Amino acid sequence: VLLRIVWKWMNRQPADVPGSRFEHLAA
């Protein structure tokens, strides 16, 4: 998990799929 978090910080995150603001906040 720690390695995963470090890798997450080192990489861009894929864009959210189309959806409402509530759906994005919930996700």
PDB file of all heavy atoms in Angstrom:
ATOM      1  N   VAL A   1       0.834  -1.209   0.000  1.00  0.00           N
ATOM      2  CA  VAL A   1       0.000   0.000   0.000  1.00  0.00           C
ATOM      3  C   VAL A   1       0.860   1.247   0.000  1.00  0.00           C
ATOM      4  O   VAL A   1       0.584   2.215  -0.724  1.00  0.00           O
ATOM      5  CB  VAL A   1      -0.954  -0.002   1.215  1.00  0.00           C
ATOM      6  CG1 VAL A   1      -1.637   1.356   1.355  1.00  0.00           C
ATOM      7  CG2 VAL A   1      -1.996  -1.097   1.062  1.00  0.00           C
ATOM      8  N   LEU A   2       1.922   1.252   0.794  1.00  0.00           N
ATOM      9  CA  LEU A   2       2.828   2.402   0.801  1.00  0.00           C
ATOM     10  C   LEU A   2       3.472   2.589  -0.572  1.00  0.00           C
ATOM     11  O   LEU A   2       3.572   3.719  -1.069  1.00  0.00           O
ATOM     12  CB  LEU A   2       3.909   2.218   1.868  1.00  0.00           C
ATOM     13  CG  LEU A   2       3.441   2.215   3.325  1.00  0.00           C
ATOM     14  CD1 LEU A   2       4.641   2.075   4.257  1.00  0.00           C
ATOM     15  CD2 LEU A   2       2.659   3.476   3.657  1.00  0.00           C
ATOM     16  N   LEU A   3       3.896   1.493  -1.188  1.00  0.00           N
ATOM     17  CA  LEU A   3       4.465   1.575  -2.537  1.00  0.00           C
ATOM     18  C   LEU A   3       3.434   2.088  -3.526  1.00  0.00           C
ATOM     19  O   LEU A   3       3.746   2.878  -4.430  1.00  0.00           O
ATOM     20  CB  LEU A   3       4.978   0.199  -2.969  1.00  0.00           C
ATOM     21  CG  LEU A   3       6.192  -0.340  -2.225  1.00  0.00           C
ATOM     22  CD1 LEU A   3       6.488  -1.770  -2.666  1.00  0.00           C
ATOM     23  CD2 LEU A   3       7.413   0.549  -2.446  1.00  0.00           C
ATOM     24  N   ARG A   4       2.202   1.631  -3.351  1.00  0.00           N
ATOM     25  CA  ARG A   4       1.134   2.077  -4.250  1.00  0.00           C
ATOM     26  C   ARG A   4       0.882   3.582  -4.116  1.00  0.00           C
ATOM     27  O   ARG A   4       0.656   4.278  -5.108  1.00  0.00           O
ATOM     28  CB  ARG A   4      -0.146   1.299  -3.927  1.00  0.00           C
ATOM     29  CG  ARG A   4      -1.307   1.639  -4.837  1.00  0.00           C
ATOM     30  CD  ARG A   4      -2.542   0.825  -4.480  1.00  0.00           C
ATOM     31  NE  ARG A   4      -3.677   1.214  -5.298  1.00  0.00           N
ATOM     32  CZ  ARG A   4      -4.886   0.712  -5.169  1.00  0.00           C
ATOM     33  NH1 ARG A   4      -5.120  -0.224  -4.263  1.00  0.00           N
ATOM     34  NH2 ARG A   4      -5.878   1.130  -5.942  1.00  0.00           N
ATOM     35  N   ILE A   5       0.912   4.081  -2.878  1.00  0.00           N
ATOM     36  CA  ILE A   5       0.704   5.508  -2.651  1.00  0.00           C
ATOM     37  C   ILE A   5       1.845   6.320  -3.273  1.00  0.00           C
ATOM     38  O   ILE A   5       1.614   7.360  -3.907  1.00  0.00           O
ATOM     39  CB  ILE A   5       0.581   5.798  -1.146  1.00  0.00           C
ATOM     40  CG1 ILE A   5      -0.721   5.202  -0.608  1.00  0.00           C
ATOM     41  CG2 ILE A   5       0.626   7.303  -0.877  1.00  0.00           C
ATOM     42  CD1 ILE A   5      -0.867   5.285   0.888  1.00  0.00           C
ATOM     43  N   VAL A   6       3.086   5.859  -3.097  1.00  0.00           N
ATOM     44  CA  VAL A   6       4.230   6.549  -3.708  1.00  0.00           C
ATOM     45  C   VAL A   6       4.095   6.564  -5.216  1.00  0.00           C
ATOM     46  O   VAL A   6       4.312   7.596  -5.867  1.00  0.00           O
ATOM     47  CB  VAL A   6       5.554   5.857  -3.288  1.00  0.00           C
ATOM     48  CG1 VAL A   6       6.722   6.422  -4.096  1.00  0.00           C
ATOM     49  CG2 VAL A   6       5.809   6.037  -1.806  1.00  0.00           C
ATOM     50  N   TRP A   7       3.729   5.417  -5.803  1.00  0.00           N
ATOM     51  CA  TRP A   7       3.558   5.355  -7.256  1.00  0.00           C
ATOM     52  C   TRP A   7       2.429   6.277  -7.713  1.00  0.00           C
ATOM     53  O   TRP A   7       2.508   6.899  -8.773  1.00  0.00           O
ATOM     54  CB  TRP A   7       3.283   3.910  -7.679  1.00  0.00           C
ATOM     55  CG  TRP A   7       3.209   3.725  -9.167  1.00  0.00           C
ATOM     56  CD1 TRP A   7       2.098   3.531  -9.923  1.00  0.00           C
ATOM     57  CD2 TRP A   7       4.312   3.723 -10.091  1.00  0.00           C
ATOM     58  NE1 TRP A   7       2.427   3.417 -11.247  1.00  0.00           N
ATOM     59  CE2 TRP A   7       3.778   3.517 -11.381  1.00  0.00           C
ATOM     60  CE3 TRP A   7       5.688   3.868  -9.929  1.00  0.00           C
ATOM     61  CZ2 TRP A   7       4.585   3.469 -12.512  1.00  0.00           C
ATOM     62  CZ3 TRP A   7       6.490   3.812 -11.072  1.00  0.00           C
ATOM     63  CH2 TRP A   7       5.935   3.617 -12.341  1.00  0.00           C
ATOM     64  N   LYS A   8       1.388   6.381  -6.919  1.00  0.00           N
ATOM     65  CA  LYS A   8       0.261   7.256  -7.240  1.00  0.00           C
ATOM     66  C   LYS A   8       0.714   8.712  -7.280  1.00  0.00           C
ATOM     67  O   LYS A   8       0.310   9.477  -8.163  1.00  0.00           O
ATOM     68  CB  LYS A   8      -0.851   7.073  -6.192  1.00  0.00           C
ATOM     69  CG  LYS A   8      -2.130   7.869  -6.457  1.00  0.00           C
ATOM     70  CD  LYS A   8      -3.131   7.597  -5.348  1.00  0.00           C
ATOM     71  CE  LYS A   8      -4.410   8.391  -5.547  1.00  0.00           C
ATOM     72  NZ  LYS A   8      -5.215   7.898  -6.684  1.00  0.00           N
ATOM     73  N   TRP A   9       1.557   9.108  -6.332  1.00  0.00           N
ATOM     74  CA  TRP A   9       2.064  10.476  -6.302  1.00  0.00           C
ATOM     75  C   TRP A   9       2.984  10.764  -7.498  1.00  0.00           C
ATOM     76  O   TRP A   9       3.063  11.892  -7.971  1.00  0.00           O
ATOM     77  CB  TRP A   9       2.827  10.727  -5.007  1.00  0.00           C
ATOM     78  CG  TRP A   9       1.940  10.920  -3.827  1.00  0.00           C
ATOM     79  CD1 TRP A   9       0.624  11.275  -3.819  1.00  0.00           C
ATOM     80  CD2 TRP A   9       2.309  10.775  -2.448  1.00  0.00           C
ATOM     81  NE1 TRP A   9       0.139  11.340  -2.540  1.00  0.00           N
ATOM     82  CE2 TRP A   9       1.146  11.050  -1.675  1.00  0.00           C
ATOM     83  CE3 TRP A   9       3.489  10.440  -1.801  1.00  0.00           C
ATOM     84  CZ2 TRP A   9       1.137  11.006  -0.289  1.00  0.00           C
ATOM     85  CZ3 TRP A   9       3.487  10.399  -0.412  1.00  0.00           C
ATOM     86  CH2 TRP A   9       2.329  10.676   0.329  1.00  0.00           C
ATOM     87  N   MET A  10       3.677   9.736  -7.972  1.00  0.00           N
ATOM     88  CA  MET A  10       4.633   9.912  -9.061  1.00  0.00           C
ATOM     89  C   MET A  10       3.979   9.933 -10.444  1.00  0.00           C
ATOM     90  O   MET A  10       4.630  10.264 -11.432  1.00  0.00           O
ATOM     91  CB  MET A  10       5.670   8.785  -9.018  1.00  0.00           C
ATOM     92  CG  MET A  10       6.577   8.803  -7.802  1.00  0.00           C
ATOM     93  SD  MET A  10       7.607   7.302  -7.704  1.00  0.00           S
ATOM     94  CE  MET A  10       8.472   7.354  -9.276  1.00  0.00           C
ATOM     95  N   ASN A  11       2.703   9.566 -10.516  1.00  0.00           N
ATOM     96  CA  ASN A  11       2.022   9.449 -11.800  1.00  0.00           C
ATOM     97  C   ASN A  11       0.802  10.346 -11.874  1.00  0.00           C
ATOM     98  O   ASN A  11       0.169  10.628 -10.858  1.00  0.00           O
ATOM     99  CB  ASN A  11       1.562   8.006 -12.031  1.00  0.00           C
ATOM    100  CG  ASN A  11       2.693   7.077 -12.384  1.00  0.00           C
ATOM    101  OD1 ASN A  11       2.921   6.794 -13.553  1.00  0.00           O
ATOM    102  ND2 ASN A  11       3.409   6.599 -11.389  1.00  0.00           N
ATOM    103  N   ARG A  12       0.483  10.736 -13.101  1.00  0.00           N
ATOM    104  CA  ARG A  12      -0.783  11.422 -13.317  1.00  0.00           C
ATOM    105  C   ARG A  12      -1.906  10.428 -13.115  1.00  0.00           C
ATOM    106  O   ARG A  12      -1.735   9.223 -13.277  1.00  0.00           O
ATOM    107  CB  ARG A  12      -0.847  11.979 -14.735  1.00  0.00           C
ATOM    108  CG  ARG A  12      -0.926  10.899 -15.814  1.00  0.00           C
ATOM    109  CD  ARG A  12      -0.883  11.477 -17.207  1.00  0.00           C
ATOM    110  NE  ARG A  12      -1.954  12.420 -17.423  1.00  0.00           N
ATOM    111  CZ  ARG A  12      -2.051  13.177 -18.519  1.00  0.00           C
ATOM    112  NH1 ARG A  12      -1.129  13.093 -19.471  1.00  0.00           N
ATOM    113  NH2 ARG A  12      -3.046  14.015 -18.657  1.00  0.00           N
ATOM    114  N   GLN A  13      -3.065  10.909 -12.740  1.00  0.00           N
ATOM    115  CA  GLN A  13      -4.222  10.037 -12.582  1.00  0.00           C
ATOM    116  C   GLN A  13      -5.144  10.173 -13.788  1.00  0.00           C
ATOM    117  O   GLN A  13      -5.352  11.277 -14.288  1.00  0.00           O
ATOM    118  CB  GLN A  13      -4.983  10.388 -11.303  1.00  0.00           C
ATOM    119  CG  GLN A  13      -4.182  10.142 -10.037  1.00  0.00           C
ATOM    120  CD  GLN A  13      -3.703   8.710  -9.941  1.00  0.00           C
ATOM    121  OE1 GLN A  13      -4.489   7.777  -9.880  1.00  0.00           O
ATOM    122  NE2 GLN A  13      -2.384   8.528  -9.922  1.00  0.00           N
ATOM    123  N   PRO A  14      -5.685   9.060 -14.275  1.00  0.00           N
ATOM    124  CA  PRO A  14      -6.606   9.144 -15.413  1.00  0.00           C
ATOM    125  C   PRO A  14      -7.774  10.074 -15.108  1.00  0.00           C
ATOM    126  O   PRO A  14      -8.222  10.168 -13.956  1.00  0.00           O
ATOM    127  CB  PRO A  14      -7.073   7.694 -15.590  1.00  0.00           C
ATOM    128  CG  PRO A  14      -5.973   6.874 -15.014  1.00  0.00           C
ATOM    129  CD  PRO A  14      -5.442   7.662 -13.860  1.00  0.00           C
ATOM    130  N   ALA A  15      -8.251  10.730 -16.129  1.00  0.00           N
ATOM    131  CA  ALA A  15      -9.356  11.669 -15.951  1.00  0.00           C
ATOM    132  C   ALA A  15     -10.624  10.934 -15.532  1.00  0.00           C
ATOM    133  O   ALA A  15     -10.824   9.760 -15.851  1.00  0.00           O
ATOM    134  CB  ALA A  15      -9.603  12.425 -17.258  1.00  0.00           C
ATOM    135  N   ASP A  16     -11.473  11.635 -14.783  1.00  0.00           N
ATOM    136  CA  ASP A  16     -12.759  11.058 -14.393  1.00  0.00           C
ATOM    137  C   ASP A  16     -13.623  10.833 -15.632  1.00  0.00           C
ATOM    138  O   ASP A  16     -13.591  11.623 -16.579  1.00  0.00           O
ATOM    139  CB  ASP A  16     -13.496  11.994 -13.431  1.00  0.00           C
ATOM    140  CG  ASP A  16     -12.811  12.093 -12.080  1.00  0.00           C
ATOM    141  OD1 ASP A  16     -12.204  11.088 -11.649  1.00  0.00           O
ATOM    142  OD2 ASP A  16     -12.879  13.163 -11.458  1.00  0.00           O
ATOM    143  N   VAL A  17     -14.395   9.758 -15.606  1.00  0.00           N
ATOM    144  CA  VAL A  17     -15.341   9.541 -16.691  1.00  0.00           C
ATOM    145  C   VAL A  17     -16.473  10.548 -16.544  1.00  0.00           C
ATOM    146  O   VAL A  17     -16.692  11.093 -15.455  1.00  0.00           O
ATOM    147  CB  VAL A  17     -15.902   8.103 -16.661  1.00  0.00           C
ATOM    148  CG1 VAL A  17     -14.779   7.096 -16.851  1.00  0.00           C
ATOM    149  CG2 VAL A  17     -16.646   7.838 -15.367  1.00  0.00           C
ATOM    150  N   PRO A  18     -17.201  10.828 -17.617  1.00  0.00           N
ATOM    151  CA  PRO A  18     -18.314  11.781 -17.515  1.00  0.00           C
ATOM    152  C   PRO A  18     -19.308  11.375 -16.436  1.00  0.00           C
ATOM    153  O   PRO A  18     -19.656  10.199 -16.297  1.00  0.00           O
ATOM    154  CB  PRO A  18     -18.949  11.703 -18.909  1.00  0.00           C
ATOM    155  CG  PRO A  18     -17.828  11.300 -19.810  1.00  0.00           C
ATOM    156  CD  PRO A  18     -16.999  10.358 -18.996  1.00  0.00           C
ATOM    157  N   GLY A  19     -19.744  12.344 -15.661  1.00  0.00           N
ATOM    158  CA  GLY A  19     -20.691  12.079 -14.581  1.00  0.00           C
ATOM    159  C   GLY A  19     -20.959  13.348 -13.813  1.00  0.00           C
ATOM    160  O   GLY A  19     -20.342  14.403 -14.064  1.00  0.00           O
ATOM    161  N   SER A  20     -21.868  13.271 -12.833  1.00  0.00           N
ATOM    162  CA  SER A  20     -22.222  14.439 -12.044  1.00  0.00           C
ATOM    163  C   SER A  20     -21.136  14.733 -11.022  1.00  0.00           C
ATOM    164  O   SER A  20     -20.289  13.891 -10.726  1.00  0.00           O
ATOM    165  CB  SER A  20     -23.555  14.203 -11.331  1.00  0.00           C
ATOM    166  OG  SER A  20     -23.422  13.192 -10.343  1.00  0.00           O
ATOM    167  N   ARG A  21     -21.176  15.934 -10.460  1.00  0.00           N
ATOM    168  CA  ARG A  21     -20.220  16.315  -9.425  1.00  0.00           C
ATOM    169  C   ARG A  21     -20.372  15.405  -8.204  1.00  0.00           C
ATOM    170  O   ARG A  21     -19.375  15.027  -7.587  1.00  0.00           O
ATOM    171  CB  ARG A  21     -20.449  17.775  -9.029  1.00  0.00           C
ATOM    172  CG  ARG A  21     -19.522  18.261  -7.913  1.00  0.00           C
ATOM    173  CD  ARG A  21     -19.670  19.756  -7.667  1.00  0.00           C
ATOM    174  NE  ARG A  21     -18.881  20.187  -6.534  1.00  0.00           N
ATOM    175  CZ  ARG A  21     -17.571  20.419  -6.568  1.00  0.00           C
ATOM    176  NH1 ARG A  21     -16.908  20.228  -7.694  1.00  0.00           N
ATOM    177  NH2 ARG A  21     -16.933  20.815  -5.487  1.00  0.00           N
ATOM    178  N   PHE A  22     -21.607  15.049  -7.879  1.00  0.00           N
ATOM    179  CA  PHE A  22     -21.841  14.165  -6.735  1.00  0.00           C
ATOM    180  C   PHE A  22     -21.182  12.813  -6.965  1.00  0.00           C
ATOM    181  O   PHE A  22     -20.573  12.250  -6.052  1.00  0.00           O
ATOM    182  CB  PHE A  22     -23.338  13.975  -6.509  1.00  0.00           C
ATOM    183  CG  PHE A  22     -23.656  12.920  -5.475  1.00  0.00           C
ATOM    184  CD1 PHE A  22     -23.539  13.203  -4.120  1.00  0.00           C
ATOM    185  CD2 PHE A  22     -24.050  11.637  -5.863  1.00  0.00           C
ATOM    186  CE1 PHE A  22     -23.808  12.230  -3.167  1.00  0.00           C
ATOM    187  CE2 PHE A  22     -24.318  10.665  -4.918  1.00  0.00           C
ATOM    188  CZ  PHE A  22     -24.203  10.958  -3.565  1.00  0.00           C
ATOM    189  N   GLU A  23     -21.300  12.261  -8.171  1.00  0.00           N
ATOM    190  CA  GLU A  23     -20.692  10.970  -8.477  1.00  0.00           C
ATOM    191  C   GLU A  23     -19.180  11.026  -8.342  1.00  0.00           C
ATOM    192  O   GLU A  23     -18.553  10.102  -7.806  1.00  0.00           O
ATOM    193  CB  GLU A  23     -21.077  10.528  -9.889  1.00  0.00           C
ATOM    194  CG  GLU A  23     -22.530  10.098 -10.023  1.00  0.00           C
ATOM    195  CD  GLU A  23     -22.906   9.765 -11.453  1.00  0.00           C
ATOM    196  OE1 GLU A  23     -22.398  10.451 -12.375  1.00  0.00           O
ATOM    197  OE2 GLU A  23     -23.699   8.826 -11.667  1.00  0.00           O
ATOM    198  N   HIS A  24     -18.589  12.124  -8.828  1.00  0.00           N
ATOM    199  CA  HIS A  24     -17.139  12.263  -8.736  1.00  0.00           C
ATOM    200  C   HIS A  24     -16.691  12.395  -7.276  1.00  0.00           C
ATOM    201  O   HIS A  24     -15.699  11.785  -6.858  1.00  0.00           O
ATOM    202  CB  HIS A  24     -16.677  13.470  -9.551  1.00  0.00           C
ATOM    203  CG  HIS A  24     -16.834  13.275 -11.023  1.00  0.00           C
ATOM    204  ND1 HIS A  24     -16.880  14.338 -11.908  1.00  0.00           N
ATOM    205  CD2 HIS A  24     -16.978  12.160 -11.781  1.00  0.00           C
ATOM    206  CE1 HIS A  24     -17.016  13.876 -13.133  1.00  0.00           C
ATOM    207  NE2 HIS A  24     -17.083  12.555 -13.076  1.00  0.00           N
ATOM    208  N   LEU A  25     -17.431  13.190  -6.489  1.00  0.00           N
ATOM    209  CA  LEU A  25     -17.087  13.360  -5.076  1.00  0.00           C
ATOM    210  C   LEU A  25     -17.236  12.038  -4.315  1.00  0.00           C
ATOM    211  O   LEU A  25     -16.402  11.694  -3.477  1.00  0.00           O
ATOM    212  CB  LEU A  25     -17.972  14.433  -4.438  1.00  0.00           C
ATOM    213  CG  LEU A  25     -17.697  15.880  -4.867  1.00  0.00           C
ATOM    214  CD1 LEU A  25     -18.741  16.820  -4.264  1.00  0.00           C
ATOM    215  CD2 LEU A  25     -16.293  16.311  -4.442  1.00  0.00           C
ATOM    216  N   ALA A  26     -18.300  11.294  -4.626  1.00  0.00           N
ATOM    217  CA  ALA A  26     -18.515  10.011  -3.973  1.00  0.00           C
ATOM    218  C   ALA A  26     -17.407   9.032  -4.319  1.00  0.00           C
ATOM    219  O   ALA A  26     -16.903   8.305  -3.448  1.00  0.00           O
ATOM    220  CB  ALA A  26     -19.871   9.440  -4.373  1.00  0.00           C
ATOM    221  N   ALA A  27     -17.014   9.004  -5.585  1.00  0.00           N
ATOM    222  CA  ALA A  27     -15.955   8.085  -6.016  1.00  0.00           C
ATOM    223  C   ALA A  27     -14.638   8.407  -5.324  1.00  0.00           C
ATOM    224  O   ALA A  27     -13.941   7.502  -4.834  1.00  0.00           O
ATOM    225  CB  ALA A  27     -15.789   8.160  -7.531  1.00  0.00           C
TER     226      ALA A  27
END
